[in-house]
Amino acid sequence: MKNPNHKRLRAANRLLAGLLALLGFSGCNDDDGSGLVAMYGSPHATFILDGKVQNVSKSGIPDIKLELQFKVLNTEGGKTTFIPGADPILTNKDGNFRTSLTTIPTDVIRIIATDIDGETNGSYAKDSIDIKISKEDYLNKEDSEWNYGSVSKDNLIIELKEEIKNE
């Protein structure tokens, strides 16, 4: 025997399901006059960096570790901070490097150069350079709010000085 309230429960379920379906579809409308559209993801840009690490005599230095850091605004304190960008890269036998990576858009990329092979190719002091990036440097921007396009910086020169050992 069926429960006497079974028909009422079934009718209430259908009514609520229909009401939720109508509200759900109208909730997807992005034309509410606010101009705001819900978007998911994060802003990104592709950076292509090409250059050379050399000594004061302009000779390329092999096996120098390069670490990339990207400037971001710290939202808690309003201070700027540099965050690590990617795995370190090494210069080739001629001291040249080339890398391409996609990460957050920024206006400054810091490259930190560290001599990791000891005396093998000479001993050099750690140094860094800051690469300034303007809005005009961002090319191939798509019609997306998230894709800032790509930045290519060529012929970058990092000059390292020989490390002076205190004996």
Foldseek 3Di string as FASTA:
>chain_A
DDDPCPVVVVVVVVVVVVVCVVVVVVVQDPPPPPPDDDDDDAAKEKEKEKAFEEAPVRFGFWFKKKWKWAWDQDVVPRDIDTDTDDHIDTAHPRRIDIDMDMDHDGQKMKIKIARDPPCPRAAWDIDMDIDGHDLVQAPPADPDPRYSHYGYDYHDYHYTYGDDDDD
